Structure formats: C-alpha cells, structure tokens
Amino acid sequence: MESCPSVKNILLLDSEGARVAVKYYSDDWPTNSSKEAFEKSVFTKTQKTNARTEAEIAMFESNIVIYKFAQDLHFFVTGGDDENELIISTVLQGFFDAVSLLLRGNVDKKEALENLDLILLCLDEIVDGGIILETDANVIAGKVASHSVDSGAPLSEQTISQALATAREHLTRSLLKEEYKKIPQDSNFEFILLISVYEDDEDDDDDDDDDDDDDDDTV
C-alpha cells in the first residue's frame, strides 16, 4: 500500500536566513538547534541561485528541497528523496501564491511579519502532520480568511476582506470560464447581457421608489 505524499518541513526565511515562519513535520530534526542548523545550511546552499521567476530544486541531506524567492523572502518546502518532485513543487507554489493573495501582492518581510498569523494559518491549511491537505492557493487563502473572521482574531479587516474578495474573484473567473466553454458558439449570448441590464434597471427603479417614499414622509 502506497503512503500519502508528505513533506518534512515548510520554511519561510528572510534574505539573511533568519526565520520568518517555519513548520516541521518530521523527527529528522529533533531539537531546535538541529532545525536552525538545517535552515542555515539550506539557505547558504541556495542563496546565490536565481529562483525568483521559477522554483528551483536541490538535493540536501537525502532530501528534496524546492525553493523560490520573492524580494527579501525565501520560500522552501522539503520532502524525502522518495517523494515526487512535482508534488513538492506544487506545495511550494500553493504556499507562495496563497501568501501573495493574503498579503495583497506585497510579498516582503515587513508585510509578512505584520500578518504572521495569516501565514501560520496558511501553513495549517496546506499541511497537517506532514500530510498534504490543499495546494490550491485560492482555496487556501479563502479558508484562512474565513477562519480568521470566525475566530475573531485581531487581524487587519482590510487584509481579510481583500483576501476573501481576491479568492472569490479568482474562483468566479474559473467557474465562468468553464461555463462559457459549454455554451455553443452559435448561441445568442446577448440574451444574458439583456437580462443583466434589465435586472440593473429594476434595481435602479426600486431605489427611485424608495427615494420617492422618503420624500413623501418628509412632506
């Protein structure tokens, strides 16, 4: 019986190799000092590579390390050497894109530290005990934002609302694209537009009626 794909750790370091947010799911590094030594070694080995446009891969201590950089942040995901590289890469990309959504595109250390609780929640949505739960950035960001609202955590209201709006926008676009593909090419798409315009006009009329009622009340 094949085991589920898993990762050993997810690291977010700054441009000097210092921790921003890290999660370990393996006993390969039982102490905090061993974890910090691993982080330092990985950072030193990868810091001079060009991993800003696309993710890079490295073999380190019998592990696969997939990494990507953005401004002064370095993203890493580590898996065993028997794991599928594409799966580990998908986890990294999901983490990277979800953080980008939650930080509204401002992917830098300052913004990350100010929204560290969001990033930690993001890690919890991606992996649980090393088992990969989710890699879709829109789903991850949406769950993080919803969980933050439900729990009443002291987060920036603007960050939460914009993260939710962005995630919903991407999801809506994806659904619309799929539905549009199902529409026959010779169908009259103007009918849909007319319905939309009609509904907008009805809303405007309702607003006008409300204004008239308000005027009558003031007479």
N, C-alpha and C. Protein backbone atom coordinates (compact mmCIF):
# COMPACT_ATOMS: atom_id res chain seq x y z
N MET A 1 0.85 -1.21 0.00
CA MET A 1 0.00 0.00 0.00
C MET A 1 0.88 1.25 0.00
N GLU A 2 0.65 2.12 -0.96
CA GLU A 2 1.46 3.33 -1.07
C GLU A 2 1.04 4.35 -0.02
N SER A 3 2.02 5.04 0.53
CA SER A 3 1.74 6.07 1.52
C SER A 3 1.34 7.36 0.83
N CYS A 4 0.63 8.23 1.58
CA CYS A 4 0.21 9.52 1.02
C CYS A 4 1.43 10.42 0.85
N PRO A 5 1.41 11.29 -0.16
CA PRO A 5 2.51 12.26 -0.32
C PRO A 5 2.63 13.11 0.93
N SER A 6 3.85 13.39 1.33
CA SER A 6 4.05 14.17 2.55
C SER A 6 5.27 15.07 2.41
N VAL A 7 5.36 16.04 3.29
CA VAL A 7 6.52 16.92 3.33
C VAL A 7 7.11 16.89 4.74
N LYS A 8 8.38 17.25 4.85
CA LYS A 8 9.07 17.22 6.15
C LYS A 8 9.09 18.58 6.82
N ASN A 9 9.10 19.63 6.03
CA ASN A 9 9.03 20.96 6.62
C ASN A 9 8.67 21.98 5.55
N ILE A 10 8.20 23.12 6.01
CA ILE A 10 7.97 24.29 5.17
C ILE A 10 8.65 25.46 5.86
N LEU A 11 9.51 26.14 5.12
CA LEU A 11 10.29 27.23 5.71
C LEU A 11 10.05 28.54 4.97
N LEU A 12 9.92 29.60 5.72
CA LEU A 12 9.90 30.95 5.17
C LEU A 12 10.98 31.74 5.91
N LEU A 13 12.06 32.04 5.18
CA LEU A 13 13.20 32.75 5.76
C LEU A 13 13.35 34.11 5.10
N ASP A 14 14.09 35.00 5.76
CA ASP A 14 14.35 36.29 5.13
C ASP A 14 15.63 36.23 4.31
N SER A 15 16.05 37.36 3.78
CA SER A 15 17.20 37.40 2.87
C SER A 15 18.53 37.18 3.58
N GLU A 16 18.50 37.07 4.90
CA GLU A 16 19.71 36.78 5.66
C GLU A 16 19.66 35.39 6.29
N GLY A 17 18.61 34.65 5.99
CA GLY A 17 18.48 33.30 6.51
C GLY A 17 17.79 33.19 7.85
N ALA A 18 17.30 34.31 8.38
CA ALA A 18 16.60 34.30 9.66
C ALA A 18 15.16 33.82 9.47
N ARG A 19 14.61 33.23 10.52
CA ARG A 19 13.25 32.70 10.45
C ARG A 19 12.21 33.82 10.34
N VAL A 20 11.22 33.56 9.49
CA VAL A 20 10.00 34.36 9.48
C VAL A 20 8.85 33.47 9.97
N ALA A 21 8.70 32.31 9.33
CA ALA A 21 7.72 31.30 9.77
C ALA A 21 8.20 29.93 9.31
N VAL A 22 8.20 28.97 10.21
CA VAL A 22 8.65 27.62 9.87
C VAL A 22 7.73 26.59 10.52
N LYS A 23 7.58 25.45 9.86
CA LYS A 23 6.82 24.33 10.40
C LYS A 23 7.57 23.05 10.06
N TYR A 24 7.77 22.19 11.08
CA TYR A 24 8.44 20.91 10.87
C TYR A 24 7.44 19.78 11.14
N TYR A 25 7.50 18.75 10.28
CA TYR A 25 6.58 17.62 10.39
C TYR A 25 7.34 16.29 10.48
N SER A 26 8.63 16.35 10.73
CA SER A 26 9.47 15.16 10.75
C SER A 26 10.37 15.16 11.98
N ASP A 27 10.71 13.95 12.43
CA ASP A 27 11.62 13.82 13.56
C ASP A 27 13.09 13.83 13.13
N ASP A 28 13.34 14.12 11.86
CA ASP A 28 14.72 14.18 11.39
C ASP A 28 15.52 15.26 12.09
N TRP A 29 14.81 16.27 12.60
CA TRP A 29 15.47 17.36 13.32
C TRP A 29 14.79 17.49 14.70
N PRO A 30 15.24 16.69 15.67
CA PRO A 30 14.52 16.59 16.95
C PRO A 30 14.68 17.80 17.87
N THR A 31 15.72 18.59 17.67
CA THR A 31 15.95 19.73 18.56
C THR A 31 15.88 21.03 17.78
N ASN A 32 15.69 22.10 18.50
CA ASN A 32 15.63 23.41 17.85
C ASN A 32 16.97 23.77 17.21
N SER A 33 18.05 23.38 17.85
CA SER A 33 19.38 23.67 17.29
C SER A 33 19.60 22.91 15.98
N SER A 34 19.11 21.68 15.89
CA SER A 34 19.25 20.93 14.64
C SER A 34 18.40 21.54 13.53
N LYS A 35 17.25 22.05 13.90
CA LYS A 35 16.39 22.73 12.92
C LYS A 35 17.09 23.99 12.40
N GLU A 36 17.62 24.77 13.30
CA GLU A 36 18.29 26.01 12.90
C GLU A 36 19.53 25.71 12.05
N ALA A 37 20.23 24.63 12.37
CA ALA A 37 21.40 24.25 11.57
C ALA A 37 20.99 23.86 10.16
N PHE A 38 19.86 23.15 10.04
CA PHE A 38 19.36 22.77 8.72
C PHE A 38 18.98 24.02 7.92
N GLU A 39 18.29 24.94 8.56
CA GLU A 39 17.87 26.18 7.89
C GLU A 39 19.07 26.97 7.39
N LYS A 40 20.08 27.06 8.23
CA LYS A 40 21.29 27.79 7.85
C LYS A 40 21.98 27.13 6.66
N SER A 41 22.07 25.81 6.68
CA SER A 41 22.74 25.09 5.61
C SER A 41 21.98 25.22 4.28
N VAL A 42 20.67 25.08 4.35
CA VAL A 42 19.84 25.20 3.15
C VAL A 42 19.94 26.61 2.58
N PHE A 43 19.86 27.60 3.45
CA PHE A 43 19.94 28.99 3.00
C PHE A 43 21.29 29.26 2.34
N THR A 44 22.36 28.82 2.97
CA THR A 44 23.71 29.05 2.44
C THR A 44 23.88 28.41 1.07
N LYS A 45 23.32 27.22 0.91
CA LYS A 45 23.49 26.50 -0.34
C LYS A 45 22.69 27.12 -1.48
N THR A 46 21.57 27.77 -1.16
CA THR A 46 20.65 28.24 -2.21
C THR A 46 20.67 29.75 -2.42
N GLN A 47 21.28 30.52 -1.53
CA GLN A 47 21.10 31.98 -1.57
C GLN A 47 21.63 32.64 -2.84
N LYS A 48 22.60 32.03 -3.50
CA LYS A 48 23.18 32.63 -4.69
C LYS A 48 22.53 32.16 -5.99
N THR A 49 21.50 31.35 -5.87
CA THR A 49 20.81 30.86 -7.07
C THR A 49 19.74 31.86 -7.50
N ASN A 50 19.32 31.75 -8.74
CA ASN A 50 18.29 32.65 -9.26
C ASN A 50 16.95 31.91 -9.28
N ALA A 51 16.23 32.01 -8.16
CA ALA A 51 14.97 31.28 -8.04
C ALA A 51 13.81 32.25 -7.87
N ARG A 52 13.83 33.32 -8.63
CA ARG A 52 12.79 34.34 -8.49
C ARG A 52 11.67 34.22 -9.52
N THR A 53 12.01 33.78 -10.70
CA THR A 53 10.96 33.61 -11.71
C THR A 53 10.32 32.24 -11.63
N GLU A 54 11.13 31.22 -11.39
CA GLU A 54 10.62 29.86 -11.26
C GLU A 54 11.29 29.17 -10.08
N ALA A 55 10.60 28.18 -9.54
CA ALA A 55 11.15 27.43 -8.41
C ALA A 55 12.35 26.59 -8.86
N GLU A 56 13.28 26.39 -7.93
CA GLU A 56 14.46 25.57 -8.18
C GLU A 56 14.42 24.35 -7.25
N ILE A 57 15.23 23.36 -7.59
CA ILE A 57 15.28 22.14 -6.79
C ILE A 57 16.72 21.84 -6.39
N ALA A 58 16.88 21.30 -5.17
CA ALA A 58 18.21 20.92 -4.69
C ALA A 58 18.07 19.65 -3.85
N MET A 59 19.10 18.83 -3.89
CA MET A 59 19.17 17.65 -3.02
C MET A 59 20.05 18.00 -1.83
N PHE A 60 19.53 17.77 -0.64
CA PHE A 60 20.26 18.17 0.56
C PHE A 60 19.99 17.17 1.68
N GLU A 61 21.04 16.53 2.17
CA GLU A 61 20.94 15.56 3.26
C GLU A 61 19.87 14.50 2.97
N SER A 62 19.92 13.95 1.76
CA SER A 62 18.96 12.91 1.34
C SER A 62 17.53 13.42 1.31
N ASN A 63 17.36 14.70 1.09
CA ASN A 63 16.04 15.31 0.99
C ASN A 63 15.93 16.12 -0.30
N ILE A 64 14.70 16.24 -0.78
CA ILE A 64 14.42 17.13 -1.91
C ILE A 64 13.98 18.48 -1.34
N VAL A 65 14.63 19.53 -1.76
CA VAL A 65 14.26 20.88 -1.32
C VAL A 65 13.86 21.69 -2.54
N ILE A 66 12.62 22.12 -2.57
CA ILE A 66 12.12 23.01 -3.63
C ILE A 66 12.03 24.41 -3.04
N TYR A 67 12.53 25.40 -3.77
CA TYR A 67 12.57 26.75 -3.19
C TYR A 67 12.30 27.82 -4.24
N LYS A 68 11.86 28.96 -3.73
CA LYS A 68 11.57 30.11 -4.59
C LYS A 68 11.73 31.38 -3.76
N PHE A 69 12.23 32.45 -4.41
CA PHE A 69 12.47 33.72 -3.71
C PHE A 69 11.54 34.82 -4.23
N ALA A 70 11.20 35.75 -3.34
CA ALA A 70 10.44 36.94 -3.72
C ALA A 70 10.90 38.09 -2.83
N GLN A 71 11.49 39.09 -3.45
CA GLN A 71 12.05 40.23 -2.72
C GLN A 71 12.97 39.73 -1.61
N ASP A 72 12.67 40.01 -0.34
CA ASP A 72 13.55 39.59 0.75
C ASP A 72 13.00 38.37 1.50
N LEU A 73 12.18 37.56 0.82
CA LEU A 73 11.64 36.34 1.41
C LEU A 73 12.08 35.12 0.61
N HIS A 74 12.45 34.05 1.31
CA HIS A 74 12.86 32.80 0.69
C HIS A 74 11.91 31.69 1.15
N PHE A 75 11.24 31.06 0.20
CA PHE A 75 10.27 30.00 0.47
C PHE A 75 10.92 28.64 0.20
N PHE A 76 10.76 27.68 1.13
CA PHE A 76 11.31 26.34 0.98
C PHE A 76 10.27 25.29 1.37
N VAL A 77 10.25 24.19 0.64
CA VAL A 77 9.49 23.01 1.04
C VAL A 77 10.41 21.81 0.91
N THR A 78 10.50 21.00 1.97
CA THR A 78 11.39 19.85 1.98
C THR A 78 10.60 18.55 2.02
N GLY A 79 11.01 17.59 1.20
CA GLY A 79 10.40 16.27 1.20
C GLY A 79 11.48 15.21 1.15
N GLY A 80 11.12 13.98 1.45
CA GLY A 80 12.08 12.89 1.38
C GLY A 80 12.52 12.64 -0.05
N ASP A 81 13.67 11.98 -0.21
CA ASP A 81 14.18 11.76 -1.57
C ASP A 81 13.33 10.76 -2.35
N ASP A 82 12.37 10.11 -1.68
CA ASP A 82 11.48 9.18 -2.38
C ASP A 82 10.15 9.85 -2.76
N GLU A 83 10.00 11.14 -2.45
CA GLU A 83 8.78 11.85 -2.80
C GLU A 83 8.83 12.36 -4.24
N ASN A 84 7.66 12.57 -4.81
CA ASN A 84 7.55 13.09 -6.17
C ASN A 84 7.90 14.58 -6.18
N GLU A 85 8.86 14.95 -7.01
CA GLU A 85 9.31 16.35 -7.06
C GLU A 85 8.18 17.29 -7.48
N LEU A 86 7.33 16.84 -8.39
CA LEU A 86 6.24 17.68 -8.86
C LEU A 86 5.24 17.99 -7.74
N ILE A 87 5.01 17.00 -6.89
CA ILE A 87 4.08 17.22 -5.77
C ILE A 87 4.66 18.22 -4.79
N ILE A 88 5.94 18.07 -4.46
CA ILE A 88 6.59 19.02 -3.55
C ILE A 88 6.58 20.42 -4.16
N SER A 89 6.82 20.50 -5.45
CA SER A 89 6.80 21.78 -6.15
C SER A 89 5.42 22.42 -6.11
N THR A 90 4.38 21.58 -6.23
CA THR A 90 3.01 22.09 -6.17
C THR A 90 2.69 22.66 -4.79
N VAL A 91 3.20 22.01 -3.75
CA VAL A 91 3.00 22.53 -2.39
C VAL A 91 3.66 23.89 -2.24
N LEU A 92 4.88 24.00 -2.74
CA LEU A 92 5.59 25.28 -2.66
C LEU A 92 4.83 26.38 -3.40
N GLN A 93 4.38 26.08 -4.61
CA GLN A 93 3.69 27.09 -5.41
C GLN A 93 2.38 27.50 -4.75
N GLY A 94 1.68 26.52 -4.17
CA GLY A 94 0.44 26.84 -3.47
C GLY A 94 0.68 27.74 -2.28
N PHE A 95 1.74 27.45 -1.53
CA PHE A 95 2.11 28.29 -0.38
C PHE A 95 2.48 29.70 -0.83
N PHE A 96 3.31 29.77 -1.85
CA PHE A 96 3.78 31.06 -2.37
C PHE A 96 2.60 31.91 -2.87
N ASP A 97 1.73 31.31 -3.66
CA ASP A 97 0.60 32.06 -4.23
C ASP A 97 -0.42 32.45 -3.16
N ALA A 98 -0.64 31.58 -2.19
CA ALA A 98 -1.59 31.90 -1.12
C ALA A 98 -1.08 33.07 -0.28
N VAL A 99 0.21 33.07 0.02
CA VAL A 99 0.80 34.18 0.77
C VAL A 99 0.69 35.47 -0.03
N SER A 100 0.92 35.37 -1.32
CA SER A 100 0.80 36.55 -2.18
C SER A 100 -0.61 37.12 -2.15
N LEU A 101 -1.62 36.24 -2.17
CA LEU A 101 -3.01 36.69 -2.10
C LEU A 101 -3.30 37.34 -0.75
N LEU A 102 -2.88 36.69 0.31
CA LEU A 102 -3.17 37.20 1.65
C LEU A 102 -2.45 38.51 1.95
N LEU A 103 -1.28 38.69 1.34
CA LEU A 103 -0.52 39.93 1.55
C LEU A 103 -0.80 40.95 0.45
N ARG A 104 -1.80 40.67 -0.36
CA ARG A 104 -2.24 41.60 -1.43
C ARG A 104 -1.10 41.95 -2.38
N GLY A 105 -0.27 40.96 -2.67
CA GLY A 105 0.82 41.15 -3.62
C GLY A 105 2.07 41.77 -3.04
N ASN A 106 2.00 42.21 -1.78
CA ASN A 106 3.18 42.81 -1.13
C ASN A 106 3.99 41.73 -0.42
N VAL A 107 4.66 40.90 -1.20
CA VAL A 107 5.37 39.76 -0.63
C VAL A 107 6.76 40.19 -0.19
N ASP A 108 6.84 40.72 1.02
CA ASP A 108 8.12 41.10 1.58
C ASP A 108 8.10 40.83 3.08
N LYS A 109 9.27 40.93 3.72
CA LYS A 109 9.40 40.56 5.13
C LYS A 109 8.53 41.44 6.02
N LYS A 110 8.51 42.72 5.78
CA LYS A 110 7.75 43.64 6.62
C LYS A 110 6.27 43.27 6.62
N GLU A 111 5.72 43.05 5.45
CA GLU A 111 4.30 42.71 5.34
C GLU A 111 4.04 41.33 5.94
N ALA A 112 4.99 40.42 5.74
CA ALA A 112 4.83 39.06 6.28
C ALA A 112 4.79 39.07 7.81
N LEU A 113 5.67 39.84 8.43
CA LEU A 113 5.71 39.90 9.89
C LEU A 113 4.45 40.56 10.45
N GLU A 114 3.93 41.54 9.74
CA GLU A 114 2.71 42.22 10.19
C GLU A 114 1.49 41.31 10.07
N ASN A 115 1.59 40.30 9.21
CA ASN A 115 0.47 39.37 9.01
C ASN A 115 0.91 37.93 9.27
N LEU A 116 1.77 37.76 10.28
CA LEU A 116 2.34 36.45 10.56
C LEU A 116 1.26 35.42 10.93
N ASP A 117 0.22 35.88 11.62
CA ASP A 117 -0.86 34.95 12.00
C ASP A 117 -1.54 34.38 10.77
N LEU A 118 -1.69 35.18 9.72
CA LEU A 118 -2.28 34.69 8.48
C LEU A 118 -1.40 33.62 7.83
N ILE A 119 -0.10 33.87 7.84
CA ILE A 119 0.83 32.92 7.23
C ILE A 119 0.85 31.60 7.98
N LEU A 120 0.80 31.65 9.31
CA LEU A 120 0.78 30.42 10.10
C LEU A 120 -0.51 29.63 9.86
N LEU A 121 -1.62 30.34 9.74
CA LEU A 121 -2.88 29.68 9.39
C LEU A 121 -2.79 29.06 8.00
N CYS A 122 -2.12 29.75 7.12
CA CYS A 122 -1.92 29.26 5.76
C CYS A 122 -1.18 27.92 5.77
N LEU A 123 -0.15 27.82 6.58
CA LEU A 123 0.61 26.57 6.69
C LEU A 123 -0.28 25.45 7.21
N ASP A 124 -1.15 25.76 8.17
CA ASP A 124 -2.04 24.75 8.74
C ASP A 124 -3.05 24.24 7.71
N GLU A 125 -3.44 25.10 6.78
CA GLU A 125 -4.39 24.69 5.74
C GLU A 125 -3.73 23.84 4.67
N ILE A 126 -2.43 24.01 4.48
CA ILE A 126 -1.72 23.28 3.43
C ILE A 126 -1.31 21.88 3.88
N VAL A 127 -0.77 21.78 5.09
CA VAL A 127 -0.22 20.50 5.59
C VAL A 127 -0.67 20.27 7.02
N ASP A 128 -0.99 19.02 7.31
CA ASP A 128 -1.34 18.63 8.68
C ASP A 128 -0.53 17.38 9.03
N GLY A 129 0.41 17.53 9.96
CA GLY A 129 1.23 16.40 10.36
C GLY A 129 2.08 15.84 9.24
N GLY A 130 2.40 16.68 8.26
CA GLY A 130 3.21 16.25 7.13
C GLY A 130 2.39 15.83 5.93
N ILE A 131 1.10 15.53 6.14
CA ILE A 131 0.21 15.11 5.04
C ILE A 131 -0.31 16.34 4.31
N ILE A 132 -0.21 16.31 2.99
CA ILE A 132 -0.64 17.44 2.17
C ILE A 132 -2.16 17.48 2.09
N LEU A 133 -2.74 18.58 2.52
CA LEU A 133 -4.19 18.74 2.52
C LEU A 133 -4.71 19.52 1.31
N GLU A 134 -4.02 20.61 0.96
CA GLU A 134 -4.51 21.51 -0.08
C GLU A 134 -3.35 22.24 -0.74
N THR A 135 -3.43 22.41 -2.05
CA THR A 135 -2.38 23.15 -2.77
C THR A 135 -2.95 24.27 -3.63
N ASP A 136 -4.26 24.40 -3.69
CA ASP A 136 -4.89 25.47 -4.48
C ASP A 136 -4.84 26.76 -3.68
N ALA A 137 -4.12 27.74 -4.19
CA ALA A 137 -3.90 28.99 -3.45
C ALA A 137 -5.20 29.72 -3.15
N ASN A 138 -6.15 29.71 -4.08
CA ASN A 138 -7.42 30.41 -3.86
C ASN A 138 -8.20 29.77 -2.72
N VAL A 139 -8.21 28.45 -2.69
CA VAL A 139 -8.90 27.74 -1.61
C VAL A 139 -8.22 27.99 -0.27
N ILE A 140 -6.90 27.94 -0.27
CA ILE A 140 -6.13 28.16 0.97
C ILE A 140 -6.39 29.55 1.52
N ALA A 141 -6.26 30.56 0.67
CA ALA A 141 -6.45 31.94 1.12
C ALA A 141 -7.88 32.18 1.60
N GLY A 142 -8.85 31.59 0.90
CA GLY A 142 -10.25 31.74 1.30
C GLY A 142 -10.51 31.12 2.67
N LYS A 143 -9.96 29.92 2.90
CA LYS A 143 -10.15 29.26 4.20
C LYS A 143 -9.47 30.05 5.32
N VAL A 144 -8.28 30.55 5.04
CA VAL A 144 -7.56 31.32 6.05
C VAL A 144 -8.35 32.56 6.43
N ALA A 145 -8.85 33.27 5.42
CA ALA A 145 -9.60 34.50 5.68
C ALA A 145 -10.89 34.19 6.44
N SER A 146 -11.60 33.14 6.03
CA SER A 146 -12.84 32.76 6.70
C SER A 146 -12.59 32.35 8.14
N HIS A 147 -11.55 31.56 8.35
CA HIS A 147 -11.21 31.12 9.70
C HIS A 147 -10.84 32.31 10.58
N SER A 148 -10.14 33.27 10.02
CA SER A 148 -9.72 34.45 10.78
C SER A 148 -10.93 35.25 11.22
N VAL A 149 -11.93 35.37 10.32
CA VAL A 149 -13.14 36.11 10.66
C VAL A 149 -13.93 35.39 11.73
N ASP A 150 -14.08 34.06 11.57
CA ASP A 150 -14.88 33.27 12.51
C ASP A 150 -14.27 33.25 13.91
N SER A 151 -12.95 33.20 13.98
CA SER A 151 -12.29 33.09 15.27
C SER A 151 -12.17 34.43 15.99
N GLY A 152 -12.45 35.52 15.24
CA GLY A 152 -12.35 36.84 15.85
C GLY A 152 -10.94 37.24 16.16
N ALA A 153 -9.98 36.72 15.42
CA ALA A 153 -8.58 37.04 15.68
C ALA A 153 -8.32 38.51 15.38
N PRO A 154 -7.40 39.15 16.09
CA PRO A 154 -7.13 40.58 15.89
C PRO A 154 -6.32 40.82 14.62
N LEU A 155 -6.97 40.66 13.48
CA LEU A 155 -6.30 40.84 12.20
C LEU A 155 -6.80 42.10 11.52
N SER A 156 -6.06 42.54 10.54
CA SER A 156 -6.47 43.72 9.77
C SER A 156 -7.72 43.41 8.97
N GLU A 157 -8.79 44.16 9.18
CA GLU A 157 -10.05 43.91 8.46
C GLU A 157 -9.86 44.06 6.96
N GLN A 158 -9.04 44.99 6.56
CA GLN A 158 -8.80 45.20 5.13
C GLN A 158 -8.10 43.99 4.53
N THR A 159 -7.14 43.44 5.23
CA THR A 159 -6.43 42.27 4.72
C THR A 159 -7.38 41.10 4.54
N ILE A 160 -8.23 40.86 5.51
CA ILE A 160 -9.17 39.74 5.44
C ILE A 160 -10.14 39.92 4.29
N SER A 161 -10.77 41.11 4.21
CA SER A 161 -11.77 41.33 3.17
C SER A 161 -11.17 41.25 1.78
N GLN A 162 -9.98 41.80 1.63
CA GLN A 162 -9.36 41.76 0.31
C GLN A 162 -8.92 40.36 -0.05
N ALA A 163 -8.47 39.60 0.94
CA ALA A 163 -8.09 38.21 0.66
C ALA A 163 -9.30 37.40 0.22
N LEU A 164 -10.42 37.60 0.93
CA LEU A 164 -11.65 36.91 0.55
C LEU A 164 -12.12 37.33 -0.84
N ALA A 165 -12.09 38.64 -1.08
CA ALA A 165 -12.55 39.14 -2.38
C ALA A 165 -11.68 38.60 -3.51
N THR A 166 -10.38 38.59 -3.31
CA THR A 166 -9.47 38.09 -4.35
C THR A 166 -9.70 36.62 -4.61
N ALA A 167 -9.82 35.84 -3.54
CA ALA A 167 -10.04 34.40 -3.69
C ALA A 167 -11.34 34.13 -4.41
N ARG A 168 -12.40 34.86 -4.03
CA ARG A 168 -13.70 34.66 -4.68
C ARG A 168 -13.67 35.09 -6.14
N GLU A 169 -12.93 36.17 -6.41
CA GLU A 169 -12.83 36.66 -7.79
C GLU A 169 -12.17 35.63 -8.69
N HIS A 170 -11.06 35.05 -8.20
CA HIS A 170 -10.37 34.04 -8.99
C HIS A 170 -11.25 32.81 -9.20
N LEU A 171 -11.98 32.41 -8.14
CA LEU A 171 -12.85 31.25 -8.24
C LEU A 171 -13.98 31.52 -9.22
N THR A 172 -14.57 32.72 -9.14
CA THR A 172 -15.66 33.08 -10.04
C THR A 172 -15.20 33.08 -11.48
N ARG A 173 -14.02 33.64 -11.74
CA ARG A 173 -13.49 33.66 -13.09
C ARG A 173 -13.29 32.25 -13.64
N SER A 174 -12.78 31.37 -12.78
CA SER A 174 -12.55 29.99 -13.20
C SER A 174 -13.86 29.31 -13.56
N LEU A 175 -14.88 29.54 -12.72
CA LEU A 175 -16.19 28.93 -12.98
C LEU A 175 -16.82 29.50 -14.25
N LEU A 176 -16.69 30.81 -14.44
CA LEU A 176 -17.26 31.43 -15.64
C LEU A 176 -16.59 30.92 -16.91
N LYS A 177 -15.27 30.72 -16.84
CA LYS A 177 -14.55 30.20 -18.00
C LYS A 177 -15.04 28.80 -18.35
N GLU A 178 -15.26 27.98 -17.32
CA GLU A 178 -15.73 26.62 -17.56
C GLU A 178 -17.14 26.63 -18.14
N GLU A 179 -18.01 27.50 -17.61
CA GLU A 179 -19.38 27.57 -18.12
C GLU A 179 -19.41 28.13 -19.55
N TYR A 180 -18.54 29.09 -19.83
CA TYR A 180 -18.51 29.69 -21.16
C TYR A 180 -18.12 28.66 -22.21
N LYS A 181 -17.21 27.74 -21.82
CA LYS A 181 -16.78 26.71 -22.76
C LYS A 181 -17.95 25.80 -23.16
N LYS A 182 -18.95 25.69 -22.28
CA LYS A 182 -20.08 24.81 -22.55
C LYS A 182 -21.11 25.45 -23.47
N ILE A 183 -21.04 26.78 -23.65
CA ILE A 183 -22.02 27.49 -24.47
C ILE A 183 -21.72 27.27 -25.94
N PRO A 184 -22.70 26.81 -26.75
CA PRO A 184 -22.47 26.64 -28.20
C PRO A 184 -22.04 27.94 -28.84
N GLN A 185 -21.14 27.82 -29.81
CA GLN A 185 -20.58 29.02 -30.43
C GLN A 185 -21.63 29.86 -31.13
N ASP A 186 -22.74 29.24 -31.62
CA ASP A 186 -23.75 30.00 -32.37
C ASP A 186 -24.89 30.47 -31.48
N SER A 187 -24.77 30.30 -30.16
CA SER A 187 -25.84 30.72 -29.25
C SER A 187 -25.84 32.23 -29.12
N ASN A 188 -27.04 32.78 -28.77
CA ASN A 188 -27.19 34.22 -28.65
C ASN A 188 -26.84 34.65 -27.23
N PHE A 189 -25.60 35.09 -27.07
CA PHE A 189 -25.10 35.45 -25.75
C PHE A 189 -25.65 36.80 -25.30
N GLU A 190 -26.23 37.58 -26.26
CA GLU A 190 -26.77 38.90 -25.92
C GLU A 190 -27.94 38.78 -24.95
N PHE A 191 -28.66 37.63 -25.00
CA PHE A 191 -29.79 37.44 -24.11
C PHE A 191 -29.38 37.55 -22.65
N ILE A 192 -28.24 36.97 -22.34
CA ILE A 192 -27.74 37.02 -20.97
C ILE A 192 -27.42 38.46 -20.57
N LEU A 193 -26.83 39.20 -21.51
CA LEU A 193 -26.49 40.58 -21.22
C LEU A 193 -27.74 41.42 -21.01
N LEU A 194 -28.80 41.16 -21.81
CA LEU A 194 -30.05 41.90 -21.68
C LEU A 194 -30.70 41.66 -20.31
N ILE A 195 -30.63 40.38 -19.86
CA ILE A 195 -31.18 40.07 -18.54
C ILE A 195 -30.44 40.85 -17.46
N SER A 196 -29.12 40.91 -17.59
CA SER A 196 -28.30 41.63 -16.61
C SER A 196 -28.67 43.10 -16.58
N VAL A 197 -28.81 43.71 -17.77
CA VAL A 197 -29.17 45.12 -17.86
C VAL A 197 -30.55 45.35 -17.28
N TYR A 198 -31.49 44.41 -17.58
CA TYR A 198 -32.85 44.55 -17.07
C TYR A 198 -32.88 44.50 -15.55
N GLU A 199 -32.10 43.57 -14.98
CA GLU A 199 -32.07 43.47 -13.53
C GLU A 199 -31.48 44.72 -12.92
N ASP A 200 -30.46 45.30 -13.57
CA ASP A 200 -29.87 46.54 -13.06
C ASP A 200 -30.88 47.66 -13.09
N ASP A 201 -31.68 47.73 -14.18
CA ASP A 201 -32.70 48.78 -14.30
C ASP A 201 -33.75 48.64 -13.22
N GLU A 202 -34.14 47.37 -12.92
CA GLU A 202 -35.11 47.15 -11.85
C GLU A 202 -34.60 47.63 -10.51
N ASP A 203 -33.31 47.36 -10.27
CA ASP A 203 -32.71 47.82 -9.02
C ASP A 203 -32.73 49.33 -8.93
N ASP A 204 -32.44 50.00 -10.07
CA ASP A 204 -32.46 51.46 -10.08
C ASP A 204 -33.86 51.98 -9.81
N ASP A 205 -34.89 51.31 -10.43
CA ASP A 205 -36.27 51.73 -10.22
C ASP A 205 -36.67 51.59 -8.77
N ASP A 206 -36.22 50.48 -8.14
CA ASP A 206 -36.54 50.28 -6.73
C ASP A 206 -35.93 51.37 -5.88
N ASP A 207 -34.70 51.77 -6.23
CA ASP A 207 -34.04 52.84 -5.49
C ASP A 207 -34.80 54.14 -5.64
N ASP A 208 -35.31 54.40 -6.88
CA ASP A 208 -36.07 55.63 -7.11
C ASP A 208 -37.35 55.64 -6.31
N ASP A 209 -38.01 54.45 -6.25
CA ASP A 209 -39.25 54.36 -5.49
C ASP A 209 -38.99 54.63 -4.01
N ASP A 210 -37.87 54.10 -3.51
CA ASP A 210 -37.53 54.34 -2.11
C ASP A 210 -37.30 55.82 -1.86
N ASP A 211 -36.66 56.50 -2.83
CA ASP A 211 -36.42 57.93 -2.66
C ASP A 211 -37.73 58.69 -2.63
N ASP A 212 -38.70 58.28 -3.51
CA ASP A 212 -40.00 58.95 -3.54
C ASP A 212 -40.72 58.77 -2.22
N ASP A 213 -40.62 57.54 -1.66
CA ASP A 213 -41.28 57.29 -0.38
C ASP A 213 -40.68 58.17 0.71
N ASP A 214 -39.36 58.34 0.65
CA ASP A 214 -38.70 59.19 1.65
C ASP A 214 -39.17 60.62 1.52
N ASP A 215 -39.35 61.08 0.24
CA ASP A 215 -39.81 62.45 0.03
C ASP A 215 -41.21 62.63 0.60
N ASP A 216 -42.09 61.61 0.39
CA ASP A 216 -43.45 61.70 0.90
C ASP A 216 -43.46 61.78 2.42
N ASP A 217 -42.55 61.08 3.05
CA ASP A 217 -42.50 61.08 4.51
C ASP A 217 -42.10 62.44 5.07
N THR A 218 -41.33 63.19 4.30
CA THR A 218 -40.83 64.47 4.81
C THR A 218 -41.81 65.59 4.57
N VAL A 219 -42.86 65.36 3.74
CA VAL A 219 -43.81 66.42 3.44
C VAL A 219 -44.69 66.68 4.65
